[in-house]
Amino acid sequence: MPYDNIGSVDEILAVAEEIYNGRIIQGFLNAKSTDGYWIKNTDEGMSDSYIESEANRIITEYTKDSEK
């Protein structure tokens, strides 16, 4: 993952797409009722916290893989 701002744009898009296409976000988008969805389906309990946590997980995994 590049450390400069311009090179990071593609990486940010890739992280966002992985989160958006994931089970949790797609479940929310397709749920008949979203009442309590984040509390029932995530450890974080809120969409913002979940997205931040997932982005951190993805970036950390990418960093570990690139160090190998």
N, C-alpha and C. Protein backbone atom coordinates (compact mmCIF):
# COMPACT_ATOMS: atom_id res chain seq x y z
N MET A 1 0.85 -1.17 0.00
CA MET A 1 0.00 0.00 0.00
C MET A 1 0.90 1.23 0.00
N PRO A 2 0.71 2.13 -0.94
CA PRO A 2 1.55 3.32 -1.02
C PRO A 2 1.33 4.22 0.19
N TYR A 3 2.36 4.97 0.53
CA TYR A 3 2.26 5.87 1.66
C TYR A 3 1.99 7.31 1.25
N ASP A 4 2.03 7.61 -0.04
CA ASP A 4 1.71 8.97 -0.46
C ASP A 4 0.22 9.07 -0.75
N ASN A 5 -0.30 10.29 -0.69
CA ASN A 5 -1.74 10.49 -0.84
C ASN A 5 -2.25 10.13 -2.23
N ILE A 6 -1.51 10.48 -3.26
CA ILE A 6 -1.99 10.23 -4.61
C ILE A 6 -2.00 8.73 -4.90
N GLY A 7 -0.94 8.01 -4.54
CA GLY A 7 -0.88 6.57 -4.78
C GLY A 7 -1.86 5.79 -3.95
N SER A 8 -2.33 6.37 -2.86
CA SER A 8 -3.24 5.67 -1.96
C SER A 8 -4.68 5.64 -2.45
N VAL A 9 -5.03 6.48 -3.40
CA VAL A 9 -6.42 6.57 -3.86
C VAL A 9 -6.94 5.22 -4.35
N ASP A 10 -6.16 4.53 -5.17
CA ASP A 10 -6.60 3.22 -5.67
C ASP A 10 -6.74 2.22 -4.55
N GLU A 11 -5.85 2.29 -3.57
CA GLU A 11 -5.91 1.37 -2.44
C GLU A 11 -7.12 1.64 -1.57
N ILE A 12 -7.42 2.91 -1.38
CA ILE A 12 -8.61 3.28 -0.59
C ILE A 12 -9.86 2.76 -1.28
N LEU A 13 -9.93 2.90 -2.59
CA LEU A 13 -11.06 2.39 -3.35
C LEU A 13 -11.18 0.88 -3.20
N ALA A 14 -10.06 0.17 -3.25
CA ALA A 14 -10.08 -1.29 -3.10
C ALA A 14 -10.59 -1.70 -1.71
N VAL A 15 -10.17 -0.98 -0.68
CA VAL A 15 -10.63 -1.28 0.69
C VAL A 15 -12.13 -1.00 0.79
N ALA A 16 -12.57 0.12 0.24
CA ALA A 16 -13.99 0.48 0.28
C ALA A 16 -14.84 -0.56 -0.45
N GLU A 17 -14.37 -1.02 -1.60
CA GLU A 17 -15.12 -2.02 -2.36
C GLU A 17 -15.21 -3.34 -1.60
N GLU A 18 -14.13 -3.73 -0.94
CA GLU A 18 -14.16 -4.98 -0.16
C GLU A 18 -15.17 -4.88 0.98
N ILE A 19 -15.20 -3.74 1.64
CA ILE A 19 -16.16 -3.55 2.73
C ILE A 19 -17.59 -3.51 2.18
N TYR A 20 -17.79 -2.75 1.13
CA TYR A 20 -19.13 -2.60 0.54
C TYR A 20 -19.68 -3.94 0.04
N ASN A 21 -18.83 -4.74 -0.56
CA ASN A 21 -19.28 -6.02 -1.12
C ASN A 21 -19.30 -7.15 -0.09
N GLY A 22 -18.91 -6.85 1.12
CA GLY A 22 -18.88 -7.87 2.18
C GLY A 22 -20.27 -8.26 2.66
N ARG A 23 -20.30 -9.34 3.41
CA ARG A 23 -21.55 -9.92 3.91
C ARG A 23 -22.36 -8.93 4.77
N ILE A 24 -21.69 -8.18 5.63
CA ILE A 24 -22.41 -7.31 6.57
C ILE A 24 -23.09 -6.15 5.84
N ILE A 25 -22.36 -5.44 5.02
CA ILE A 25 -22.96 -4.30 4.31
C ILE A 25 -24.04 -4.77 3.35
N GLN A 26 -23.78 -5.83 2.63
CA GLN A 26 -24.80 -6.34 1.71
C GLN A 26 -26.03 -6.83 2.47
N GLY A 27 -25.81 -7.43 3.63
CA GLY A 27 -26.93 -7.85 4.47
C GLY A 27 -27.78 -6.66 4.89
N PHE A 28 -27.11 -5.57 5.27
CA PHE A 28 -27.83 -4.36 5.66
C PHE A 28 -28.62 -3.79 4.48
N LEU A 29 -27.97 -3.71 3.32
CA LEU A 29 -28.63 -3.14 2.15
C LEU A 29 -29.83 -3.96 1.70
N ASN A 30 -29.79 -5.26 1.95
CA ASN A 30 -30.86 -6.15 1.49
C ASN A 30 -31.83 -6.58 2.59
N ALA A 31 -31.63 -6.07 3.79
CA ALA A 31 -32.48 -6.46 4.92
C ALA A 31 -33.89 -5.89 4.77
N LYS A 32 -34.87 -6.69 5.15
CA LYS A 32 -36.25 -6.20 5.13
C LYS A 32 -36.45 -5.17 6.23
N SER A 33 -35.78 -5.38 7.36
CA SER A 33 -35.82 -4.41 8.46
C SER A 33 -34.40 -4.18 8.94
N THR A 34 -34.04 -2.92 9.06
CA THR A 34 -32.69 -2.59 9.52
C THR A 34 -32.66 -2.19 10.99
N ASP A 35 -33.80 -2.28 11.66
CA ASP A 35 -33.84 -1.96 13.09
C ASP A 35 -32.91 -2.88 13.86
N GLY A 36 -31.94 -2.30 14.53
CA GLY A 36 -31.01 -3.06 15.34
C GLY A 36 -30.02 -3.91 14.56
N TYR A 37 -29.94 -3.69 13.25
CA TYR A 37 -29.09 -4.54 12.41
C TYR A 37 -27.64 -4.56 12.87
N TRP A 38 -27.10 -3.37 13.14
CA TRP A 38 -25.67 -3.29 13.49
C TRP A 38 -25.38 -3.94 14.83
N ILE A 39 -26.30 -3.80 15.77
CA ILE A 39 -26.12 -4.42 17.08
C ILE A 39 -26.20 -5.94 16.97
N LYS A 40 -27.11 -6.43 16.16
CA LYS A 40 -27.29 -7.88 16.00
C LYS A 40 -26.19 -8.54 15.19
N ASN A 41 -25.57 -7.82 14.26
CA ASN A 41 -24.67 -8.44 13.29
C ASN A 41 -23.19 -8.06 13.39
N THR A 42 -22.87 -7.13 14.27
CA THR A 42 -21.47 -6.73 14.40
C THR A 42 -21.08 -6.61 15.86
N ASP A 43 -19.80 -6.72 16.12
CA ASP A 43 -19.29 -6.50 17.48
C ASP A 43 -19.30 -5.01 17.82
N GLU A 44 -19.18 -4.18 16.80
CA GLU A 44 -19.08 -2.74 17.02
C GLU A 44 -20.41 -2.08 17.34
N GLY A 45 -21.51 -2.59 16.79
CA GLY A 45 -22.84 -2.08 17.09
C GLY A 45 -23.26 -0.83 16.33
N MET A 46 -22.36 -0.24 15.55
CA MET A 46 -22.70 0.95 14.76
C MET A 46 -22.00 0.86 13.42
N SER A 47 -22.62 1.39 12.37
CA SER A 47 -22.05 1.28 11.03
C SER A 47 -20.70 1.96 10.92
N ASP A 48 -20.55 3.16 11.47
CA ASP A 48 -19.27 3.88 11.37
C ASP A 48 -18.14 3.09 12.02
N SER A 49 -18.41 2.58 13.20
CA SER A 49 -17.39 1.81 13.93
C SER A 49 -17.05 0.52 13.20
N TYR A 50 -18.07 -0.12 12.64
CA TYR A 50 -17.84 -1.36 11.88
C TYR A 50 -16.96 -1.08 10.67
N ILE A 51 -17.28 -0.05 9.90
CA ILE A 51 -16.52 0.27 8.69
C ILE A 51 -15.08 0.61 9.04
N GLU A 52 -14.89 1.39 10.08
CA GLU A 52 -13.53 1.73 10.51
C GLU A 52 -12.76 0.48 10.94
N SER A 53 -13.41 -0.39 11.67
CA SER A 53 -12.78 -1.63 12.13
C SER A 53 -12.41 -2.53 10.96
N GLU A 54 -13.30 -2.66 10.00
CA GLU A 54 -13.03 -3.48 8.82
C GLU A 54 -11.89 -2.91 7.98
N ALA A 55 -11.88 -1.61 7.80
CA ALA A 55 -10.79 -0.97 7.05
C ALA A 55 -9.46 -1.22 7.74
N ASN A 56 -9.44 -1.10 9.04
CA ASN A 56 -8.22 -1.35 9.81
C ASN A 56 -7.77 -2.80 9.65
N ARG A 57 -8.71 -3.73 9.70
CA ARG A 57 -8.39 -5.16 9.55
C ARG A 57 -7.81 -5.43 8.16
N ILE A 58 -8.43 -4.90 7.14
CA ILE A 58 -7.98 -5.12 5.75
C ILE A 58 -6.58 -4.54 5.55
N ILE A 59 -6.37 -3.33 6.01
CA ILE A 59 -5.07 -2.68 5.84
C ILE A 59 -3.99 -3.44 6.62
N THR A 60 -4.31 -3.87 7.83
CA THR A 60 -3.35 -4.63 8.64
C THR A 60 -2.98 -5.94 7.96
N GLU A 61 -3.98 -6.65 7.43
CA GLU A 61 -3.71 -7.92 6.73
C GLU A 61 -2.85 -7.66 5.49
N TYR A 62 -3.16 -6.62 4.75
CA TYR A 62 -2.40 -6.28 3.55
C TYR A 62 -0.94 -5.98 3.91
N THR A 63 -0.75 -5.24 4.99
CA THR A 63 0.59 -4.88 5.43
C THR A 63 1.37 -6.12 5.85
N LYS A 64 0.73 -7.01 6.59
CA LYS A 64 1.39 -8.25 7.01
C LYS A 64 1.76 -9.10 5.81
N ASP A 65 0.86 -9.21 4.85
CA ASP A 65 1.12 -10.02 3.65
C ASP A 65 2.26 -9.43 2.82
N SER A 66 2.34 -8.11 2.74
CA SER A 66 3.38 -7.50 1.92
C SER A 66 4.76 -7.56 2.60
N GLU A 67 4.79 -7.81 3.89
CA GLU A 67 6.06 -7.95 4.61
C GLU A 67 6.67 -9.33 4.44
N LYS A 68 5.91 -10.27 3.95
CA LYS A 68 6.40 -11.65 3.80
C LYS A 68 7.34 -11.78 2.63
